[in-house]
Amino acid sequence: MKAGDSMVAFEAPVGYRVRRLAPADLGAYKALRDEALRLHPDAFTSDHETEVRRGPESYLGRLGSSDPLGGTFLLGAYDAEDRLVAAVGLEREMRAKVRHISWLIGLMVRPEHGGRGLAQALVQACIASARSAPGLELITLSVTASNEVASQRALRVYERAGFERYGLLPRAIRLVDGSGRVEYRDKAQMMLRLR
């Protein structure tokens, strides 16, 4: 077992459990991700049209099996029927000078399971796992910054977990609708010091 790969029991809302994803979970992860990209195109930098063509095996690197120090993983929340209903990832930088930094990526919850504390539970589990990775000092993320309810809810989840805003990237996402109309979304940059 490598660093950061402990058999930690994560807290989860009643009726759910949180655990690290394994290769056998990648099909369910891809289905959840494809749905999130389709339903919330302004929340992610990846687009549904491109990502839906990827196979589940293309996410194998996100499991962190080739990361000897830990700090790269996917966590999922499962319902009572053992269905993956929410997920989040952490990707650690690999270059020596920035190996102390990781990126929280892809927080997503199926709409019918929203409002039950799953996002907060996953972020807390992500932070707990990150703290066990030797030399990992900082978690960073970017989140769509708009007045829409979903964006405000996401910002509050991260702020409650202790993340602080350190910047704003204007026009970070470019969205083009079917008629060719272009819209932009800003991304708030956030960070959490682990040590």
C-alpha atoms as a PDB file:
ATOM      1  CA  MET A   1       0.000   0.000   0.000  1.00  0.00           C
ATOM      2  CA  LYS A   2       1.475   3.365  -1.001  1.00  0.00           C
ATOM      3  CA  ALA A   3       1.337   6.634   0.906  1.00  0.00           C
ATOM      4  CA  GLY A   4      -2.091   8.197   0.993  1.00  0.00           C
ATOM      5  CA  ASP A   5      -3.726   4.866   0.135  1.00  0.00           C
ATOM      6  CA  SER A   6      -4.953   3.943   3.596  1.00  0.00           C
ATOM      7  CA  MET A   7      -8.179   2.095   4.253  1.00  0.00           C
ATOM      8  CA  VAL A   8      -9.771   5.162   5.829  1.00  0.00           C
ATOM      9  CA  ALA A   9     -13.491   5.078   6.544  1.00  0.00           C
ATOM     10  CA  PHE A  10     -14.936   8.366   5.308  1.00  0.00           C
ATOM     11  CA  GLU A  11     -17.939  10.059   6.851  1.00  0.00           C
ATOM     12  CA  ALA A  12     -20.991  10.168   4.628  1.00  0.00           C
ATOM     13  CA  PRO A  13     -24.623  11.216   4.947  1.00  0.00           C
ATOM     14  CA  VAL A  14     -27.009   8.528   6.207  1.00  0.00           C
ATOM     15  CA  GLY A  15     -27.778   6.006   3.468  1.00  0.00           C
ATOM     16  CA  TYR A  16     -24.518   6.624   1.589  1.00  0.00           C
ATOM     17  CA  ARG A  17     -20.910   5.534   1.800  1.00  0.00           C
ATOM     18  CA  VAL A  18     -17.776   7.199   0.446  1.00  0.00           C
ATOM     19  CA  ARG A  19     -14.783   5.243  -0.828  1.00  0.00           C
ATOM     20  CA  ARG A  20     -11.921   5.389  -3.287  1.00  0.00           C
ATOM     21  CA  LEU A  21     -12.702   4.257  -6.802  1.00  0.00           C
ATOM     22  CA  ALA A  22     -11.008   1.200  -8.301  1.00  0.00           C
ATOM     23  CA  PRO A  23     -10.618   0.156 -11.961  1.00  0.00           C
ATOM     24  CA  ALA A  24     -13.946  -1.729 -11.819  1.00  0.00           C
ATOM     25  CA  ASP A  25     -15.710   1.581 -10.981  1.00  0.00           C
ATOM     26  CA  LEU A  26     -14.541   3.470 -14.080  1.00  0.00           C
ATOM     27  CA  GLY A  27     -17.604   2.611 -16.203  1.00  0.00           C
ATOM     28  CA  ALA A  28     -19.902   4.092 -13.552  1.00  0.00           C
ATOM     29  CA  TYR A  29     -17.549   7.077 -13.143  1.00  0.00           C
ATOM     30  CA  LYS A  30     -17.630   7.773 -16.888  1.00  0.00           C
ATOM     31  CA  ALA A  31     -21.453   7.595 -16.942  1.00  0.00           C
ATOM     32  CA  LEU A  32     -21.678  10.022 -14.014  1.00  0.00           C
ATOM     33  CA  ARG A  33     -19.147  12.383 -15.608  1.00  0.00           C
ATOM     34  CA  ASP A  34     -20.842  12.294 -19.015  1.00  0.00           C
ATOM     35  CA  GLU A  35     -24.156  13.187 -17.372  1.00  0.00           C
ATOM     36  CA  ALA A  36     -22.592  16.049 -15.384  1.00  0.00           C
ATOM     37  CA  LEU A  37     -20.919  17.487 -18.491  1.00  0.00           C
ATOM     38  CA  ARG A  38     -24.202  17.321 -20.401  1.00  0.00           C
ATOM     39  CA  LEU A  39     -26.317  18.876 -17.627  1.00  0.00           C
ATOM     40  CA  HIS A  40     -23.832  21.543 -16.503  1.00  0.00           C
ATOM     41  CA  PRO A  41     -21.683  22.630 -19.483  1.00  0.00           C
ATOM     42  CA  ASP A  42     -20.672  25.881 -17.791  1.00  0.00           C
ATOM     43  CA  ALA A  43     -19.379  24.141 -14.647  1.00  0.00           C
ATOM     44  CA  PHE A  44     -16.570  22.159 -16.310  1.00  0.00           C
ATOM     45  CA  THR A  45     -13.690  23.041 -18.613  1.00  0.00           C
ATOM     46  CA  SER A  46     -14.171  19.744 -20.476  1.00  0.00           C
ATOM     47  CA  ASP A  47     -17.014  19.520 -22.972  1.00  0.00           C
ATOM     48  CA  HIS A  48     -19.576  16.742 -23.300  1.00  0.00           C
ATOM     49  CA  GLU A  49     -19.195  16.281 -27.073  1.00  0.00           C
ATOM     50  CA  THR A  50     -15.488  15.450 -26.777  1.00  0.00           C
ATOM     51  CA  GLU A  51     -15.510  13.557 -23.495  1.00  0.00           C
ATOM     52  CA  VAL A  52     -18.435  11.262 -24.314  1.00  0.00           C
ATOM     53  CA  ARG A  53     -16.177   9.596 -26.931  1.00  0.00           C
ATOM     54  CA  ARG A  54     -13.573   8.621 -24.308  1.00  0.00           C
ATOM     55  CA  GLY A  55     -13.611   5.087 -22.973  1.00  0.00           C
ATOM     56  CA  PRO A  56     -13.760   4.339 -19.235  1.00  0.00           C
ATOM     57  CA  GLU A  57     -10.160   3.072 -19.308  1.00  0.00           C
ATOM     58  CA  SER A  58      -8.973   6.579 -20.245  1.00  0.00           C
ATOM     59  CA  TYR A  59      -9.606   7.628 -16.626  1.00  0.00           C
ATOM     60  CA  LEU A  60      -7.304   4.959 -15.189  1.00  0.00           C
ATOM     61  CA  GLY A  61      -4.582   7.541 -14.444  1.00  0.00           C
ATOM     62  CA  ARG A  62      -6.963   9.394 -12.135  1.00  0.00           C
ATOM     63  CA  LEU A  63      -6.916   6.426  -9.757  1.00  0.00           C
ATOM     64  CA  GLY A  64      -3.306   7.251  -8.850  1.00  0.00           C
ATOM     65  CA  SER A  65      -1.860   3.756  -9.104  1.00  0.00           C
ATOM     66  CA  SER A  66       1.324   5.151 -10.699  1.00  0.00           C
ATOM     67  CA  ASP A  67       1.693   7.902  -8.071  1.00  0.00           C
ATOM     68  CA  PRO A  68       4.198   6.586  -5.476  1.00  0.00           C
ATOM     69  CA  LEU A  69       3.612   9.418  -2.959  1.00  0.00           C
ATOM     70  CA  GLY A  70      -0.175   9.514  -3.138  1.00  0.00           C
ATOM     71  CA  GLY A  71      -2.293  12.566  -3.729  1.00  0.00           C
ATOM     72  CA  THR A  72      -3.929  11.398  -6.962  1.00  0.00           C
ATOM     73  CA  PHE A  73      -7.222   9.557  -6.605  1.00  0.00           C
ATOM     74  CA  LEU A  74     -10.958   9.482  -7.277  1.00  0.00           C
ATOM     75  CA  LEU A  75     -13.516   9.267  -4.494  1.00  0.00           C
ATOM     76  CA  GLY A  76     -17.124   8.255  -4.973  1.00  0.00           C
ATOM     77  CA  ALA A  77     -20.317   8.356  -2.952  1.00  0.00           C
ATOM     78  CA  TYR A  78     -22.507   5.279  -3.267  1.00  0.00           C
ATOM     79  CA  ASP A  79     -26.181   4.947  -2.390  1.00  0.00           C
ATOM     80  CA  ALA A  80     -27.848   2.042  -0.554  1.00  0.00           C
ATOM     81  CA  GLU A  81     -28.104   0.091  -3.846  1.00  0.00           C
ATOM     82  CA  ASP A  82     -24.334   0.534  -4.391  1.00  0.00           C
ATOM     83  CA  ARG A  83     -24.765   2.985  -7.292  1.00  0.00           C
ATOM     84  CA  LEU A  84     -22.169   5.712  -7.809  1.00  0.00           C
ATOM     85  CA  VAL A  85     -24.119   8.948  -7.328  1.00  0.00           C
ATOM     86  CA  ALA A  86     -21.344  11.500  -6.720  1.00  0.00           C
ATOM     87  CA  ALA A  87     -17.597  11.798  -7.232  1.00  0.00           C
ATOM     88  CA  VAL A  88     -14.572  14.054  -6.894  1.00  0.00           C
ATOM     89  CA  GLY A  89     -10.936  13.724  -7.850  1.00  0.00           C
ATOM     90  CA  LEU A  90      -7.553  14.974  -6.740  1.00  0.00           C
ATOM     91  CA  GLU A  91      -4.604  15.167  -9.140  1.00  0.00           C
ATOM     92  CA  ARG A  92      -1.154  15.805  -7.758  1.00  0.00           C
ATOM     93  CA  GLU A  93       1.390  17.721  -9.782  1.00  0.00           C
ATOM     94  CA  MET A  94       4.207  15.452 -10.974  1.00  0.00           C
ATOM     95  CA  ARG A  95       6.961  18.022 -11.681  1.00  0.00           C
ATOM     96  CA  ALA A  96       9.504  18.283  -8.836  1.00  0.00           C
ATOM     97  CA  LYS A  97       9.105  22.009  -8.121  1.00  0.00           C
ATOM     98  CA  VAL A  98       5.309  21.840  -7.839  1.00  0.00           C
ATOM     99  CA  ARG A  99       4.933  18.320  -6.408  1.00  0.00           C
ATOM    100  CA  HIS A 100       3.581  19.893  -3.199  1.00  0.00           C
ATOM    101  CA  ILE A 101       0.430  21.050  -5.072  1.00  0.00           C
ATOM    102  CA  SER A 102      -2.670  19.125  -6.129  1.00  0.00           C
ATOM    103  CA  TRP A 103      -5.844  20.021  -8.014  1.00  0.00           C
ATOM    104  CA  LEU A 104      -9.318  19.141  -6.801  1.00  0.00           C
ATOM    105  CA  ILE A 105     -11.236  18.213  -9.957  1.00  0.00           C
ATOM    106  CA  GLY A 106     -14.660  17.192 -11.154  1.00  0.00           C
ATOM    107  CA  LEU A 107     -16.948  17.473  -8.140  1.00  0.00           C
ATOM    108  CA  MET A 108     -20.289  16.121  -9.352  1.00  0.00           C
ATOM    109  CA  VAL A 109     -23.504  14.881  -7.766  1.00  0.00           C
ATOM    110  CA  ARG A 110     -26.455  13.331  -9.603  1.00  0.00           C
ATOM    111  CA  PRO A 111     -29.327  15.849  -9.439  1.00  0.00           C
ATOM    112  CA  GLU A 112     -31.696  13.467  -7.633  1.00  0.00           C
ATOM    113  CA  HIS A 113     -29.117  13.100  -4.837  1.00  0.00           C
ATOM    114  CA  GLY A 114     -28.382  16.814  -4.441  1.00  0.00           C
ATOM    115  CA  GLY A 115     -29.015  18.694  -1.222  1.00  0.00           C
ATOM    116  CA  ARG A 116     -28.065  15.746   1.006  1.00  0.00           C
ATOM    117  CA  GLY A 117     -24.538  16.797   1.931  1.00  0.00           C
ATOM    118  CA  LEU A 118     -22.734  14.531  -0.534  1.00  0.00           C
ATOM    119  CA  ALA A 119     -20.629  17.322  -2.067  1.00  0.00           C
ATOM    120  CA  GLN A 120     -19.465  18.460   1.367  1.00  0.00           C
ATOM    121  CA  ALA A 121     -18.735  14.869   2.448  1.00  0.00           C
ATOM    122  CA  LEU A 122     -16.680  14.214  -0.688  1.00  0.00           C
ATOM    123  CA  VAL A 123     -14.675  17.436  -0.330  1.00  0.00           C
ATOM    124  CA  GLN A 124     -13.943  16.626   3.328  1.00  0.00           C
ATOM    125  CA  ALA A 125     -12.911  13.060   2.407  1.00  0.00           C
ATOM    126  CA  CYS A 126     -10.696  14.456  -0.350  1.00  0.00           C
ATOM    127  CA  ILE A 127      -8.968  16.796   2.120  1.00  0.00           C
ATOM    128  CA  ALA A 128      -8.504  13.980   4.654  1.00  0.00           C
ATOM    129  CA  SER A 129      -6.911  11.740   2.006  1.00  0.00           C
ATOM    130  CA  ALA A 130      -4.701  14.573   0.759  1.00  0.00           C
ATOM    131  CA  ARG A 131      -3.382  15.175   4.295  1.00  0.00           C
ATOM    132  CA  SER A 132      -1.988  11.615   4.365  1.00  0.00           C
ATOM    133  CA  ALA A 133       0.103  12.141   1.200  1.00  0.00           C
ATOM    134  CA  PRO A 134       3.723  12.939   2.146  1.00  0.00           C
ATOM    135  CA  GLY A 135       4.861  16.389   1.062  1.00  0.00           C
ATOM    136  CA  LEU A 136       1.473  17.521  -0.210  1.00  0.00           C
ATOM    137  CA  GLU A 137       0.913  21.075   1.080  1.00  0.00           C
ATOM    138  CA  LEU A 138      -1.723  22.732  -1.065  1.00  0.00           C
ATOM    139  CA  ILE A 139      -4.996  21.875  -2.806  1.00  0.00           C
ATOM    140  CA  THR A 140      -6.095  24.229  -5.557  1.00  0.00           C
ATOM    141  CA  LEU A 141      -9.259  24.341  -7.644  1.00  0.00           C
ATOM    142  CA  SER A 142     -11.202  26.504 -10.029  1.00  0.00           C
ATOM    143  CA  VAL A 143     -14.959  26.915  -9.894  1.00  0.00           C
ATOM    144  CA  THR A 144     -17.340  28.775 -12.176  1.00  0.00           C
ATOM    145  CA  ALA A 145     -18.047  32.170 -10.660  1.00  0.00           C
ATOM    146  CA  SER A 146     -21.501  33.400 -11.605  1.00  0.00           C
ATOM    147  CA  ASN A 147     -24.707  34.409  -9.886  1.00  0.00           C
ATOM    148  CA  GLU A 148     -26.405  31.131 -10.841  1.00  0.00           C
ATOM    149  CA  VAL A 149     -27.621  29.026  -7.912  1.00  0.00           C
ATOM    150  CA  ALA A 150     -25.415  26.021  -8.758  1.00  0.00           C
ATOM    151  CA  SER A 151     -22.275  28.182  -8.929  1.00  0.00           C
ATOM    152  CA  GLN A 152     -23.051  29.872  -5.622  1.00  0.00           C
ATOM    153  CA  ARG A 153     -23.758  26.502  -4.002  1.00  0.00           C
ATOM    154  CA  ALA A 154     -20.409  25.118  -5.214  1.00  0.00           C
ATOM    155  CA  LEU A 155     -18.538  28.163  -3.906  1.00  0.00           C
ATOM    156  CA  ARG A 156     -20.164  27.728  -0.489  1.00  0.00           C
ATOM    157  CA  VAL A 157     -19.199  24.033  -0.357  1.00  0.00           C
ATOM    158  CA  TYR A 158     -15.548  24.916  -0.921  1.00  0.00           C
ATOM    159  CA  GLU A 159     -15.580  27.896   1.445  1.00  0.00           C
ATOM    160  CA  ARG A 160     -17.117  25.772   4.236  1.00  0.00           C
ATOM    161  CA  ALA A 161     -14.296  23.270   3.728  1.00  0.00           C
ATOM    162  CA  GLY A 162     -11.741  26.039   4.287  1.00  0.00           C
ATOM    163  CA  PHE A 163     -10.813  27.002   0.714  1.00  0.00           C
ATOM    164  CA  GLU A 164      -9.970  30.663   0.115  1.00  0.00           C
ATOM    165  CA  ARG A 165     -10.324  32.600  -3.122  1.00  0.00           C
ATOM    166  CA  TYR A 166      -7.051  33.960  -4.420  1.00  0.00           C
ATOM    167  CA  GLY A 167      -8.020  35.139  -7.875  1.00  0.00           C
ATOM    168  CA  LEU A 168     -10.469  35.261 -10.748  1.00  0.00           C
ATOM    169  CA  LEU A 169      -9.786  34.223 -14.325  1.00  0.00           C
ATOM    170  CA  PRO A 170     -12.164  36.259 -16.491  1.00  0.00           C
ATOM    171  CA  ARG A 171     -13.628  34.564 -19.576  1.00  0.00           C
ATOM    172  CA  ALA A 172     -12.128  31.221 -18.517  1.00  0.00           C
ATOM    173  CA  ILE A 173     -14.772  29.166 -20.316  1.00  0.00           C
ATOM    174  CA  ARG A 174     -16.105  29.887 -23.798  1.00  0.00           C
ATOM    175  CA  LEU A 175     -19.532  28.390 -24.535  1.00  0.00           C
ATOM    176  CA  VAL A 176     -21.042  28.332 -28.020  1.00  0.00           C
ATOM    177  CA  ASP A 177     -24.714  27.384 -28.416  1.00  0.00           C
ATOM    178  CA  GLY A 178     -26.362  25.762 -31.454  1.00  0.00           C
ATOM    179  CA  SER A 179     -26.981  29.130 -33.125  1.00  0.00           C
ATOM    180  CA  GLY A 180     -23.328  30.182 -32.800  1.00  0.00           C
ATOM    181  CA  ARG A 181     -23.944  32.610 -29.929  1.00  0.00           C
ATOM    182  CA  VAL A 182     -20.909  32.845 -27.631  1.00  0.00           C
ATOM    183  CA  GLU A 183     -21.002  33.264 -23.849  1.00  0.00           C
ATOM    184  CA  TYR A 184     -18.150  33.353 -21.364  1.00  0.00           C
ATOM    185  CA  ARG A 185     -17.884  32.279 -17.731  1.00  0.00           C
ATOM    186  CA  ASP A 186     -15.283  33.397 -15.203  1.00  0.00           C
ATOM    187  CA  LYS A 187     -13.518  30.930 -12.915  1.00  0.00           C
ATOM    188  CA  ALA A 188     -12.735  31.673  -9.274  1.00  0.00           C
ATOM    189  CA  GLN A 189      -9.359  30.305  -8.239  1.00  0.00           C
ATOM    190  CA  MET A 190      -9.319  28.792  -4.733  1.00  0.00           C
ATOM    191  CA  MET A 191      -6.777  27.112  -2.475  1.00  0.00           C
ATOM    192  CA  LEU A 192      -6.504  25.259   0.804  1.00  0.00           C
ATOM    193  CA  ARG A 193      -3.260  24.971   2.764  1.00  0.00           C
ATOM    194  CA  LEU A 194      -2.859  21.472   4.200  1.00  0.00           C
ATOM    195  CA  ARG A 195       0.225  22.169   6.308  1.00  0.00           C
END
